[in-house]
C-alpha atoms as a PDB file:
ATOM      1  CA  UNK A   1      35.375   7.408  43.349  1.00  0.00           C
ATOM      2  CA  UNK A   2      37.137  10.543  44.472  1.00  0.00           C
ATOM      3  CA  UNK A   3      35.263  13.703  45.450  1.00  0.00           C
ATOM      4  CA  UNK A   4      36.950  15.721  42.697  1.00  0.00           C
ATOM      5  CA  UNK A   5      35.635  13.244  40.099  1.00  0.00           C
ATOM      6  CA  UNK A   6      32.180  13.426  41.670  1.00  0.00           C
ATOM      7  CA  UNK A   7      32.247  17.221  41.433  1.00  0.00           C
ATOM      8  CA  UNK A   8      33.730  17.406  37.917  1.00  0.00           C
ATOM      9  CA  UNK A   9      33.009  14.213  36.020  1.00  0.00           C
ATOM     10  CA  UNK A  10      35.973  13.365  33.773  1.00  0.00           C
ATOM     11  CA  UNK A  11      35.626  12.247  30.163  1.00  0.00           C
ATOM     12  CA  UNK A  12      37.229   8.880  30.951  1.00  0.00           C
ATOM     13  CA  UNK A  13      35.135   6.144  32.568  1.00  0.00           C
ATOM     14  CA  UNK A  14      37.580   4.928  35.173  1.00  0.00           C
ATOM     15  CA  UNK A  15      41.148   5.366  36.304  1.00  0.00           C
ATOM     16  CA  UNK A  16      43.477   2.697  37.614  1.00  0.00           C
ATOM     17  CA  UNK A  17      46.713   3.655  39.371  1.00  0.00           C
ATOM     18  CA  UNK A  18      49.330   1.261  40.713  1.00  0.00           C
ATOM     19  CA  UNK A  19      50.505   3.552  43.532  1.00  0.00           C
ATOM     20  CA  UNK A  20      50.009   6.928  45.149  1.00  0.00           C
ATOM     21  CA  UNK A  21      52.525   9.548  44.046  1.00  0.00           C
ATOM     22  CA  UNK A  22      54.450   9.683  47.320  1.00  0.00           C
ATOM     23  CA  UNK A  23      57.225   7.796  49.091  1.00  0.00           C
ATOM     24  CA  UNK A  24      59.871   6.599  46.615  1.00  0.00           C
ATOM     25  CA  UNK A  25      57.647   6.923  43.538  1.00  0.00           C
ATOM     26  CA  UNK A  26      58.217  10.603  42.645  1.00  0.00           C
ATOM     27  CA  UNK A  27      61.981  10.004  42.485  1.00  0.00           C
ATOM     28  CA  UNK A  28      61.648   6.843  40.389  1.00  0.00           C
ATOM     29  CA  UNK A  29      59.156   8.421  38.008  1.00  0.00           C
ATOM     30  CA  UNK A  30      61.368  11.487  37.642  1.00  0.00           C
ATOM     31  CA  UNK A  31      64.241   9.189  36.669  1.00  0.00           C
ATOM     32  CA  UNK A  32      62.012   7.469  34.099  1.00  0.00           C
ATOM     33  CA  UNK A  33      60.621  10.691  32.678  1.00  0.00           C
ATOM     34  CA  UNK A  34      63.534  13.135  32.741  1.00  0.00           C
ATOM     35  CA  UNK A  35      66.778  11.307  33.458  1.00  0.00           C
ATOM     36  CA  UNK A  36      66.886   8.504  30.892  1.00  0.00           C
ATOM     37  CA  UNK A  37      65.879   5.788  33.360  1.00  0.00           C
ATOM     38  CA  UNK A  38      64.058   3.845  30.646  1.00  0.00           C
ATOM     39  CA  UNK A  39      64.840   0.482  32.302  1.00  0.00           C
ATOM     40  CA  UNK A  40      62.362   1.471  35.026  1.00  0.00           C
ATOM     41  CA  UNK A  41      59.481   1.200  32.540  1.00  0.00           C
ATOM     42  CA  UNK A  42      59.354  -2.608  32.759  1.00  0.00           C
ATOM     43  CA  UNK A  43      58.966  -2.996  36.550  1.00  0.00           C
ATOM     44  CA  UNK A  44      56.638   0.019  36.760  1.00  0.00           C
ATOM     45  CA  UNK A  45      54.464  -1.445  33.991  1.00  0.00           C
ATOM     46  CA  UNK A  46      54.459  -4.795  35.824  1.00  0.00           C
ATOM     47  CA  UNK A  47      53.096  -3.079  38.935  1.00  0.00           C
ATOM     48  CA  UNK A  48      50.411  -1.388  36.872  1.00  0.00           C
ATOM     49  CA  UNK A  49      49.560  -4.651  35.075  1.00  0.00           C
ATOM     50  CA  UNK A  50      49.063  -6.335  38.442  1.00  0.00           C
ATOM     51  CA  UNK A  51      46.626  -3.606  39.507  1.00  0.00           C
ATOM     52  CA  UNK A  52      44.774  -3.874  36.169  1.00  0.00           C
ATOM     53  CA  UNK A  53      44.438  -7.654  36.678  1.00  0.00           C
ATOM     54  CA  UNK A  54      43.168  -7.150  40.243  1.00  0.00           C
ATOM     55  CA  UNK A  55      40.520  -4.721  38.993  1.00  0.00           C
ATOM     56  CA  UNK A  56      39.610  -7.181  36.183  1.00  0.00           C
ATOM     57  CA  UNK A  57      39.980  -4.326  33.717  1.00  0.00           C
ATOM     58  CA  UNK A  58      40.456  -4.696  30.016  1.00  0.00           C
ATOM     59  CA  UNK A  59      40.515  -2.689  26.829  1.00  0.00           C
ATOM     60  CA  UNK A  60      40.527  -3.213  23.088  1.00  0.00           C
ATOM     61  CA  UNK A  61      43.535  -0.975  22.528  1.00  0.00           C
ATOM     62  CA  UNK A  62      46.095   0.948  24.612  1.00  0.00           C
ATOM     63  CA  UNK A  63      47.382   4.366  23.614  1.00  0.00           C
ATOM     64  CA  UNK A  64      50.140   6.339  25.319  1.00  0.00           C
ATOM     65  CA  UNK A  65      49.619   9.990  26.115  1.00  0.00           C
ATOM     66  CA  UNK A  66      51.563  11.639  23.277  1.00  0.00           C
ATOM     67  CA  UNK A  67      54.334  14.182  23.683  1.00  0.00           C
ATOM     68  CA  UNK A  68      54.722  17.290  21.565  1.00  0.00           C
ATOM     69  CA  UNK A  69      57.517  17.205  18.973  1.00  0.00           C
ATOM     70  CA  UNK A  70      59.498  19.662  21.069  1.00  0.00           C
ATOM     71  CA  UNK A  71      59.176  17.566  24.250  1.00  0.00           C
ATOM     72  CA  UNK A  72      60.024  14.380  22.317  1.00  0.00           C
ATOM     73  CA  UNK A  73      63.095  16.085  20.897  1.00  0.00           C
ATOM     74  CA  UNK A  74      64.208  17.228  24.361  1.00  0.00           C
ATOM     75  CA  UNK A  75      63.658  13.853  26.017  1.00  0.00           C
ATOM     76  CA  UNK A  76      64.380  11.455  23.172  1.00  0.00           C
ATOM     77  CA  UNK A  77      61.588   9.056  24.182  1.00  0.00           C
ATOM     78  CA  UNK A  78      58.009   9.003  25.423  1.00  0.00           C
ATOM     79  CA  UNK A  79      57.845   7.348  28.852  1.00  0.00           C
ATOM     80  CA  UNK A  80      54.133   6.609  28.362  1.00  0.00           C
ATOM     81  CA  UNK A  81      54.884   4.692  25.171  1.00  0.00           C
ATOM     82  CA  UNK A  82      57.586   2.685  26.974  1.00  0.00           C
ATOM     83  CA  UNK A  83      55.031   1.764  29.651  1.00  0.00           C
ATOM     84  CA  UNK A  84      52.384   0.874  27.040  1.00  0.00           C
ATOM     85  CA  UNK A  85      54.801  -1.395  25.154  1.00  0.00           C
ATOM     86  CA  UNK A  86      55.570  -3.344  28.321  1.00  0.00           C
ATOM     87  CA  UNK A  87      51.882  -3.498  29.223  1.00  0.00           C
ATOM     88  CA  UNK A  88      51.143  -4.799  25.721  1.00  0.00           C
ATOM     89  CA  UNK A  89      53.360  -7.822  26.401  1.00  0.00           C
ATOM     90  CA  UNK A  90      52.072  -8.344  29.946  1.00  0.00           C
ATOM     91  CA  UNK A  91      48.353  -7.922  29.243  1.00  0.00           C
ATOM     92  CA  UNK A  92      48.157  -9.135  25.624  1.00  0.00           C
ATOM     93  CA  UNK A  93      46.315  -5.948  24.651  1.00  0.00           C
ATOM     94  CA  UNK A  94      47.576  -4.198  21.509  1.00  0.00           C
ATOM     95  CA  UNK A  95      49.173  -0.776  21.849  1.00  0.00           C
ATOM     96  CA  UNK A  96      49.626   1.897  19.213  1.00  0.00           C
ATOM     97  CA  UNK A  97      51.638   5.097  19.242  1.00  0.00           C
ATOM     98  CA  UNK A  98      50.281   6.822  16.130  1.00  0.00           C
ATOM     99  CA  UNK A  99      46.533   7.129  16.724  1.00  0.00           C
ATOM    100  CA  UNK A 100      46.335   9.898  19.316  1.00  0.00           C
ATOM    101  CA  UNK A 101      48.465  12.905  18.426  1.00  0.00           C
ATOM    102  CA  UNK A 102      49.464  16.045  20.227  1.00  0.00           C
ATOM    103  CA  UNK A 103      48.656  18.940  17.942  1.00  0.00           C
ATOM    104  CA  UNK A 104      50.083  21.696  20.101  1.00  0.00           C
ATOM    105  CA  UNK A 105      53.016  22.111  22.425  1.00  0.00           C
ATOM    106  CA  UNK A 106      52.115  23.307  25.904  1.00  0.00           C
ATOM    107  CA  UNK A 107      54.195  24.685  28.723  1.00  0.00           C
ATOM    108  CA  UNK A 108      55.070  22.243  31.497  1.00  0.00           C
ATOM    109  CA  UNK A 109      51.960  21.710  33.553  1.00  0.00           C
ATOM    110  CA  UNK A 110      53.645  20.835  36.854  1.00  0.00           C
ATOM    111  CA  UNK A 111      53.565  24.376  38.239  1.00  0.00           C
ATOM    112  CA  UNK A 112      49.992  25.178  37.158  1.00  0.00           C
ATOM    113  CA  UNK A 113      46.781  24.959  39.170  1.00  0.00           C
ATOM    114  CA  UNK A 114      44.147  22.412  38.197  1.00  0.00           C
ATOM    115  CA  UNK A 115      42.113  25.072  36.400  1.00  0.00           C
ATOM    116  CA  UNK A 116      45.168  26.424  34.538  1.00  0.00           C
ATOM    117  CA  UNK A 117      46.154  22.880  33.512  1.00  0.00           C
ATOM    118  CA  UNK A 118      42.708  22.193  32.091  1.00  0.00           C
ATOM    119  CA  UNK A 119      42.719  25.415  30.062  1.00  0.00           C
ATOM    120  CA  UNK A 120      46.290  24.876  28.810  1.00  0.00           C
ATOM    121  CA  UNK A 121      45.719  21.302  27.638  1.00  0.00           C
ATOM    122  CA  UNK A 122      42.049  21.393  26.577  1.00  0.00           C
ATOM    123  CA  UNK A 123      42.540  21.250  22.783  1.00  0.00           C
ATOM    124  CA  UNK A 124      46.063  19.837  22.628  1.00  0.00           C
ATOM    125  CA  UNK A 125      45.129  16.359  21.336  1.00  0.00           C
ATOM    126  CA  UNK A 126      43.630  14.992  18.150  1.00  0.00           C
ATOM    127  CA  UNK A 127      42.845  11.753  16.348  1.00  0.00           C
ATOM    128  CA  UNK A 128      43.641  12.216  12.651  1.00  0.00           C
ATOM    129  CA  UNK A 129      40.850  11.176  10.268  1.00  0.00           C
ATOM    130  CA  UNK A 130      43.101   8.399   8.941  1.00  0.00           C
ATOM    131  CA  UNK A 131      43.253   6.822  12.437  1.00  0.00           C
ATOM    132  CA  UNK A 132      39.600   7.130  13.451  1.00  0.00           C
ATOM    133  CA  UNK A 133      38.608   3.706  12.108  1.00  0.00           C
ATOM    134  CA  UNK A 134      41.095   2.087  14.503  1.00  0.00           C
ATOM    135  CA  UNK A 135      39.213   3.383  17.560  1.00  0.00           C
ATOM    136  CA  UNK A 136      35.608   3.525  16.353  1.00  0.00           C
ATOM    137  CA  UNK A 137      33.365   1.698  18.818  1.00  0.00           C
ATOM    138  CA  UNK A 138      36.306   0.425  20.864  1.00  0.00           C
ATOM    139  CA  UNK A 139      37.253   0.673  24.528  1.00  0.00           C
ATOM    140  CA  UNK A 140      40.549   2.568  24.728  1.00  0.00           C
ATOM    141  CA  UNK A 141      42.986   2.559  27.650  1.00  0.00           C
ATOM    142  CA  UNK A 142      45.140   5.672  27.926  1.00  0.00           C
ATOM    143  CA  UNK A 143      48.541   4.936  29.475  1.00  0.00           C
ATOM    144  CA  UNK A 144      50.550   7.553  31.367  1.00  0.00           C
ATOM    145  CA  UNK A 145      53.094   7.746  34.148  1.00  0.00           C
ATOM    146  CA  UNK A 146      51.396  10.152  36.578  1.00  0.00           C
ATOM    147  CA  UNK A 147      47.900  11.548  36.972  1.00  0.00           C
ATOM    148  CA  UNK A 148      47.929  14.768  38.958  1.00  0.00           C
ATOM    149  CA  UNK A 149      44.672  16.598  38.260  1.00  0.00           C
ATOM    150  CA  UNK A 150      43.559  14.380  35.378  1.00  0.00           C
ATOM    151  CA  UNK A 151      43.438  17.320  32.939  1.00  0.00           C
ATOM    152  CA  UNK A 152      45.762  15.721  30.373  1.00  0.00           C
ATOM    153  CA  UNK A 153      43.979  12.372  30.473  1.00  0.00           C
ATOM    154  CA  UNK A 154      40.626  14.154  30.299  1.00  0.00           C
ATOM    155  CA  UNK A 155      41.683  16.104  27.195  1.00  0.00           C
ATOM    156  CA  UNK A 156      42.964  12.895  25.571  1.00  0.00           C
ATOM    157  CA  UNK A 157      39.736  11.054  26.401  1.00  0.00           C
ATOM    158  CA  UNK A 158      37.686  13.911  24.960  1.00  0.00           C
ATOM    159  CA  UNK A 159      39.573  13.710  21.648  1.00  0.00           C
ATOM    160  CA  UNK A 160      39.145   9.918  21.517  1.00  0.00           C
ATOM    161  CA  UNK A 161      35.428  10.019  22.276  1.00  0.00           C
ATOM    162  CA  UNK A 162      34.889  12.791  19.710  1.00  0.00           C
ATOM    163  CA  UNK A 163      36.646  10.568  17.146  1.00  0.00           C
ATOM    164  CA  UNK A 164      34.345   7.616  17.839  1.00  0.00           C
ATOM    165  CA  UNK A 165      35.770   5.610  20.737  1.00  0.00           C
ATOM    166  CA  UNK A 166      33.054   3.812  22.731  1.00  0.00           C
ATOM    167  CA  UNK A 167      34.734   4.402  26.092  1.00  0.00           C
ATOM    168  CA  UNK A 168      38.062   5.413  27.600  1.00  0.00           C
ATOM    169  CA  UNK A 169      39.906   4.317  30.741  1.00  0.00           C
ATOM    170  CA  UNK A 170      43.024   5.891  32.240  1.00  0.00           C
ATOM    171  CA  UNK A 171      45.816   3.545  33.378  1.00  0.00           C
ATOM    172  CA  UNK A 172      48.632   5.278  35.253  1.00  0.00           C
ATOM    173  CA  UNK A 173      51.561   4.191  37.366  1.00  0.00           C
ATOM    174  CA  UNK A 174      50.922   6.831  40.038  1.00  0.00           C
ATOM    175  CA  UNK A 175      48.174   9.166  41.066  1.00  0.00           C
ATOM    176  CA  UNK A 176      48.711  12.260  43.148  1.00  0.00           C
ATOM    177  CA  UNK A 177      46.626  11.705  46.284  1.00  0.00           C
ATOM    178  CA  UNK A 178      44.020  14.256  47.218  1.00  0.00           C
ATOM    179  CA  UNK A 179      45.070  16.550  50.085  1.00  0.00           C
ATOM    180  CA  UNK A 180      43.719  15.252  53.352  1.00  0.00           C
ATOM    181  CA  UNK A 181      41.177  17.346  55.186  1.00  0.00           C
ATOM    182  CA  UNK A 182      42.545  18.633  58.468  1.00  0.00           C
ATOM    183  CA  UNK A 183      39.970  18.313  61.196  1.00  0.00           C
ATOM    184  CA  UNK A 184      39.918  20.902  63.956  1.00  0.00           C
END
């Protein structure tokens, strides 16, 4: 449990990350996300699947963090959906792309503070009434590439829980490590 999660309890129950977002991982994830490096989704998902197995985690259904129409149009693919599809094969847990939707486009969150991210993304996600039966009473795993502050995953989890999910976990390839305290 990280101190930030202790101080501000997220909507999701647990988070599993394969690696810390440092070393070679930022470059590889940038290639996956912005530079058409879709072939990276398979080995990155394999790393995440290994971590999920080690933690003995499971879920009834996996959902990728959705992109806005504008972002999908710019990129041409959703890297989280690519990861979820590979995880589906590796973990034998079904994945669906059309249950959690992004109802509003938001500016890129990378340059925002944690508080600004949370405000920007708070109401961006929805579960349409027609999809609520698919998650009712089920444990949902949200799949994403990187968790920085957790604001996006928190907003997704909130929408899923409001729509009837029993619980939500966050499964990410990389997590931005907390800044280390400098001792004087």
